[in-house]
């Protein structure tokens, strides 16, 4: 197995763990409530969330890089973190991901929820907007891990 493959195989789950910790434990209630608002307050809350989120992902990736002696270049590390941070900010502004959902025909999942009731009946199960949000983040964490491993 190549060094890049091993690096990818270690960095991806590390990013997924870091993502869950940063998104659910590190993010403040204020950031979660305000990051989707239009205007300065929303941008500020989202930027603060992404800054702490990126600190966690950088710490975790840096830790596995050091502990396992991974073949990661500084450029790969920075590019992976930038891709993760920028795509996370974009999605967490909320109206951006909602627009993408409408554009791709996923409005019933993101905006309306279930077709029968017109709303997301059970958001605690990770349906609707939350599921699309998390799928978006996981997609870009995959890309970030790949870039971290090959650059």
C-alpha atoms as a PDB file:
ATOM      1  CA  UNK A   1       0.000   0.000   0.000  1.00  0.00           C
ATOM      2  CA  UNK A   2       1.343   3.436  -0.868  1.00  0.00           C
ATOM      3  CA  UNK A   3       2.174   6.085   1.714  1.00  0.00           C
ATOM      4  CA  UNK A   4      -0.586   8.299   0.263  1.00  0.00           C
ATOM      5  CA  UNK A   5      -3.145   5.519   0.685  1.00  0.00           C
ATOM      6  CA  UNK A   6      -2.133   4.988   4.311  1.00  0.00           C
ATOM      7  CA  UNK A   7      -2.260   8.739   4.952  1.00  0.00           C
ATOM      8  CA  UNK A   8      -5.731   8.968   3.410  1.00  0.00           C
ATOM      9  CA  UNK A   9      -6.907   5.924   5.399  1.00  0.00           C
ATOM     10  CA  UNK A  10      -5.811   7.584   8.659  1.00  0.00           C
ATOM     11  CA  UNK A  11      -6.749  11.208   7.913  1.00  0.00           C
ATOM     12  CA  UNK A  12     -10.324  10.580   6.736  1.00  0.00           C
ATOM     13  CA  UNK A  13     -11.627   8.978   9.947  1.00  0.00           C
ATOM     14  CA  UNK A  14      -9.655  11.531  11.965  1.00  0.00           C
ATOM     15  CA  UNK A  15     -11.437  14.327  10.097  1.00  0.00           C
ATOM     16  CA  UNK A  16     -14.822  12.665  10.592  1.00  0.00           C
ATOM     17  CA  UNK A  17     -14.255  12.379  14.344  1.00  0.00           C
ATOM     18  CA  UNK A  18     -12.983  15.957  14.532  1.00  0.00           C
ATOM     19  CA  UNK A  19     -15.998  17.113  12.512  1.00  0.00           C
ATOM     20  CA  UNK A  20     -18.448  15.519  14.932  1.00  0.00           C
ATOM     21  CA  UNK A  21     -16.695  16.924  17.988  1.00  0.00           C
ATOM     22  CA  UNK A  22     -16.342  20.419  16.516  1.00  0.00           C
ATOM     23  CA  UNK A  23     -19.850  20.590  15.064  1.00  0.00           C
ATOM     24  CA  UNK A  24     -21.661  19.221  18.102  1.00  0.00           C
ATOM     25  CA  UNK A  25     -19.493  19.911  21.174  1.00  0.00           C
ATOM     26  CA  UNK A  26     -17.305  22.894  20.316  1.00  0.00           C
ATOM     27  CA  UNK A  27     -19.840  25.001  18.417  1.00  0.00           C
ATOM     28  CA  UNK A  28     -21.651  27.347  20.789  1.00  0.00           C
ATOM     29  CA  UNK A  29     -25.424  27.642  20.981  1.00  0.00           C
ATOM     30  CA  UNK A  30     -25.105  31.232  19.772  1.00  0.00           C
ATOM     31  CA  UNK A  31     -23.108  30.188  16.726  1.00  0.00           C
ATOM     32  CA  UNK A  32     -25.579  27.427  15.893  1.00  0.00           C
ATOM     33  CA  UNK A  33     -28.564  29.754  16.232  1.00  0.00           C
ATOM     34  CA  UNK A  34     -27.088  32.734  14.378  1.00  0.00           C
ATOM     35  CA  UNK A  35     -24.711  31.393  11.692  1.00  0.00           C
ATOM     36  CA  UNK A  36     -27.469  31.178   9.097  1.00  0.00           C
ATOM     37  CA  UNK A  37     -28.720  34.732   9.561  1.00  0.00           C
ATOM     38  CA  UNK A  38     -28.217  37.123   6.696  1.00  0.00           C
ATOM     39  CA  UNK A  39     -25.952  40.081   7.329  1.00  0.00           C
ATOM     40  CA  UNK A  40     -22.965  40.787   9.537  1.00  0.00           C
ATOM     41  CA  UNK A  41     -24.211  38.917  12.627  1.00  0.00           C
ATOM     42  CA  UNK A  42     -24.680  35.683  10.661  1.00  0.00           C
ATOM     43  CA  UNK A  43     -21.334  35.975   8.897  1.00  0.00           C
ATOM     44  CA  UNK A  44     -19.596  36.675  12.218  1.00  0.00           C
ATOM     45  CA  UNK A  45     -21.231  33.727  14.006  1.00  0.00           C
ATOM     46  CA  UNK A  46     -20.441  31.392  11.129  1.00  0.00           C
ATOM     47  CA  UNK A  47     -16.831  32.607  10.917  1.00  0.00           C
ATOM     48  CA  UNK A  48     -16.382  32.051  14.660  1.00  0.00           C
ATOM     49  CA  UNK A  49     -17.815  28.540  14.348  1.00  0.00           C
ATOM     50  CA  UNK A  50     -15.585  27.695  11.384  1.00  0.00           C
ATOM     51  CA  UNK A  51     -12.523  29.088  13.170  1.00  0.00           C
ATOM     52  CA  UNK A  52     -13.057  26.818  16.190  1.00  0.00           C
ATOM     53  CA  UNK A  53     -14.074  23.939  13.891  1.00  0.00           C
ATOM     54  CA  UNK A  54     -10.866  24.317  11.895  1.00  0.00           C
ATOM     55  CA  UNK A  55      -8.784  24.513  15.060  1.00  0.00           C
ATOM     56  CA  UNK A  56     -10.201  21.120  16.069  1.00  0.00           C
ATOM     57  CA  UNK A  57      -9.702  19.511  12.639  1.00  0.00           C
ATOM     58  CA  UNK A  58      -6.165  20.911  12.385  1.00  0.00           C
ATOM     59  CA  UNK A  59      -5.319  19.675  15.878  1.00  0.00           C
ATOM     60  CA  UNK A  60      -6.639  16.179  15.177  1.00  0.00           C
ATOM     61  CA  UNK A  61      -4.997  15.862  11.753  1.00  0.00           C
ATOM     62  CA  UNK A  62      -1.765  17.278  13.163  1.00  0.00           C
ATOM     63  CA  UNK A  63      -1.922  14.759  16.001  1.00  0.00           C
ATOM     64  CA  UNK A  64      -2.349  11.712  13.739  1.00  0.00           C
ATOM     65  CA  UNK A  65       0.318  13.118  11.406  1.00  0.00           C
ATOM     66  CA  UNK A  66       2.767  13.298  14.307  1.00  0.00           C
ATOM     67  CA  UNK A  67       1.798  10.088  16.131  1.00  0.00           C
ATOM     68  CA  UNK A  68       1.763   7.895  13.024  1.00  0.00           C
ATOM     69  CA  UNK A  69       4.557   9.670  11.140  1.00  0.00           C
ATOM     70  CA  UNK A  70       2.288  10.164   8.145  1.00  0.00           C
ATOM     71  CA  UNK A  71       3.601  11.324   4.803  1.00  0.00           C
ATOM     72  CA  UNK A  72       1.845  14.706   4.831  1.00  0.00           C
ATOM     73  CA  UNK A  73       3.363  17.808   3.291  1.00  0.00           C
ATOM     74  CA  UNK A  74       2.729  21.234   4.795  1.00  0.00           C
ATOM     75  CA  UNK A  75       0.997  22.200   1.536  1.00  0.00           C
ATOM     76  CA  UNK A  76      -1.275  19.142   1.702  1.00  0.00           C
ATOM     77  CA  UNK A  77      -2.112  19.889   5.321  1.00  0.00           C
ATOM     78  CA  UNK A  78      -2.976  23.547   4.620  1.00  0.00           C
ATOM     79  CA  UNK A  79      -4.947  22.826   1.432  1.00  0.00           C
ATOM     80  CA  UNK A  80      -6.947  20.085   3.162  1.00  0.00           C
ATOM     81  CA  UNK A  81      -7.780  22.401   6.043  1.00  0.00           C
ATOM     82  CA  UNK A  82      -8.719  25.254   3.682  1.00  0.00           C
ATOM     83  CA  UNK A  83     -11.046  23.048   1.641  1.00  0.00           C
ATOM     84  CA  UNK A  84     -12.695  21.804   4.817  1.00  0.00           C
ATOM     85  CA  UNK A  85     -13.061  25.305   6.302  1.00  0.00           C
ATOM     86  CA  UNK A  86     -14.314  27.076   3.175  1.00  0.00           C
ATOM     87  CA  UNK A  87     -16.876  24.424   2.258  1.00  0.00           C
ATOM     88  CA  UNK A  88     -18.033  24.224   5.872  1.00  0.00           C
ATOM     89  CA  UNK A  89     -18.565  27.990   6.032  1.00  0.00           C
ATOM     90  CA  UNK A  90     -20.433  27.951   2.702  1.00  0.00           C
ATOM     91  CA  UNK A  91     -22.860  25.256   3.819  1.00  0.00           C
ATOM     92  CA  UNK A  92     -23.335  26.587   7.340  1.00  0.00           C
ATOM     93  CA  UNK A  93     -24.618  29.918   6.090  1.00  0.00           C
ATOM     94  CA  UNK A  94     -27.711  27.723   5.457  1.00  0.00           C
ATOM     95  CA  UNK A  95     -29.353  29.739   2.660  1.00  0.00           C
ATOM     96  CA  UNK A  96     -26.547  28.573   0.357  1.00  0.00           C
ATOM     97  CA  UNK A  97     -27.226  24.887   0.958  1.00  0.00           C
ATOM     98  CA  UNK A  98     -30.978  25.494   0.764  1.00  0.00           C
ATOM     99  CA  UNK A  99     -30.463  27.099  -2.664  1.00  0.00           C
ATOM    100  CA  UNK A 100     -28.414  24.101  -3.792  1.00  0.00           C
ATOM    101  CA  UNK A 101     -31.159  21.776  -2.537  1.00  0.00           C
ATOM    102  CA  UNK A 102     -33.740  23.700  -4.562  1.00  0.00           C
ATOM    103  CA  UNK A 103     -31.480  23.730  -7.632  1.00  0.00           C
ATOM    104  CA  UNK A 104     -30.938  19.972  -7.484  1.00  0.00           C
ATOM    105  CA  UNK A 105     -34.554  19.067  -6.739  1.00  0.00           C
ATOM    106  CA  UNK A 106     -34.049  18.177  -3.080  1.00  0.00           C
ATOM    107  CA  UNK A 107     -36.340  20.889  -1.777  1.00  0.00           C
ATOM    108  CA  UNK A 108     -38.743  18.416  -0.219  1.00  0.00           C
ATOM    109  CA  UNK A 109     -35.899  17.090   1.923  1.00  0.00           C
ATOM    110  CA  UNK A 110     -34.212  20.369   2.796  1.00  0.00           C
ATOM    111  CA  UNK A 111     -36.919  23.012   2.888  1.00  0.00           C
ATOM    112  CA  UNK A 112     -40.182  21.192   3.209  1.00  0.00           C
ATOM    113  CA  UNK A 113     -39.334  17.901   4.847  1.00  0.00           C
ATOM    114  CA  UNK A 114     -41.845  15.166   4.171  1.00  0.00           C
ATOM    115  CA  UNK A 115     -44.189  15.549   1.177  1.00  0.00           C
ATOM    116  CA  UNK A 116     -47.260  14.618   3.229  1.00  0.00           C
ATOM    117  CA  UNK A 117     -46.910  17.175   6.006  1.00  0.00           C
ATOM    118  CA  UNK A 118     -44.772  19.807   4.301  1.00  0.00           C
ATOM    119  CA  UNK A 119     -42.230  19.842   7.120  1.00  0.00           C
ATOM    120  CA  UNK A 120     -39.451  17.757   8.560  1.00  0.00           C
ATOM    121  CA  UNK A 121     -41.426  15.550  10.946  1.00  0.00           C
ATOM    122  CA  UNK A 122     -38.542  14.205  12.970  1.00  0.00           C
ATOM    123  CA  UNK A 123     -35.435  16.402  12.863  1.00  0.00           C
ATOM    124  CA  UNK A 124     -34.025  14.597  15.891  1.00  0.00           C
ATOM    125  CA  UNK A 125     -33.448  11.566  13.654  1.00  0.00           C
ATOM    126  CA  UNK A 126     -31.178  13.547  11.356  1.00  0.00           C
ATOM    127  CA  UNK A 127     -33.639  13.902   8.525  1.00  0.00           C
ATOM    128  CA  UNK A 128     -34.180  16.778   6.129  1.00  0.00           C
ATOM    129  CA  UNK A 129     -31.859  19.752   6.370  1.00  0.00           C
ATOM    130  CA  UNK A 130     -29.552  18.177   8.936  1.00  0.00           C
ATOM    131  CA  UNK A 131     -28.976  15.068   6.816  1.00  0.00           C
ATOM    132  CA  UNK A 132     -28.155  17.086   3.700  1.00  0.00           C
ATOM    133  CA  UNK A 133     -25.902  19.384   5.740  1.00  0.00           C
ATOM    134  CA  UNK A 134     -23.956  16.461   7.172  1.00  0.00           C
ATOM    135  CA  UNK A 135     -23.727  14.692   3.803  1.00  0.00           C
ATOM    136  CA  UNK A 136     -22.278  17.898   2.305  1.00  0.00           C
ATOM    137  CA  UNK A 137     -19.701  18.133   5.079  1.00  0.00           C
ATOM    138  CA  UNK A 138     -18.708  14.459   4.772  1.00  0.00           C
ATOM    139  CA  UNK A 139     -18.271  14.810   0.996  1.00  0.00           C
ATOM    140  CA  UNK A 140     -15.852  17.691   1.474  1.00  0.00           C
ATOM    141  CA  UNK A 141     -14.042  15.976   4.345  1.00  0.00           C
ATOM    142  CA  UNK A 142     -13.393  13.119   1.905  1.00  0.00           C
ATOM    143  CA  UNK A 143     -11.942  15.636  -0.576  1.00  0.00           C
ATOM    144  CA  UNK A 144      -9.923  17.320   2.195  1.00  0.00           C
ATOM    145  CA  UNK A 145      -8.462  13.976   3.304  1.00  0.00           C
ATOM    146  CA  UNK A 146      -7.610  13.091  -0.292  1.00  0.00           C
ATOM    147  CA  UNK A 147      -5.859  16.424  -0.851  1.00  0.00           C
ATOM    148  CA  UNK A 148      -4.044  16.124   2.473  1.00  0.00           C
ATOM    149  CA  UNK A 149      -2.743  12.716   1.400  1.00  0.00           C
ATOM    150  CA  UNK A 150      -1.666  13.462  -2.161  1.00  0.00           C
ATOM    151  CA  UNK A 151      -0.364  17.038  -2.213  1.00  0.00           C
END
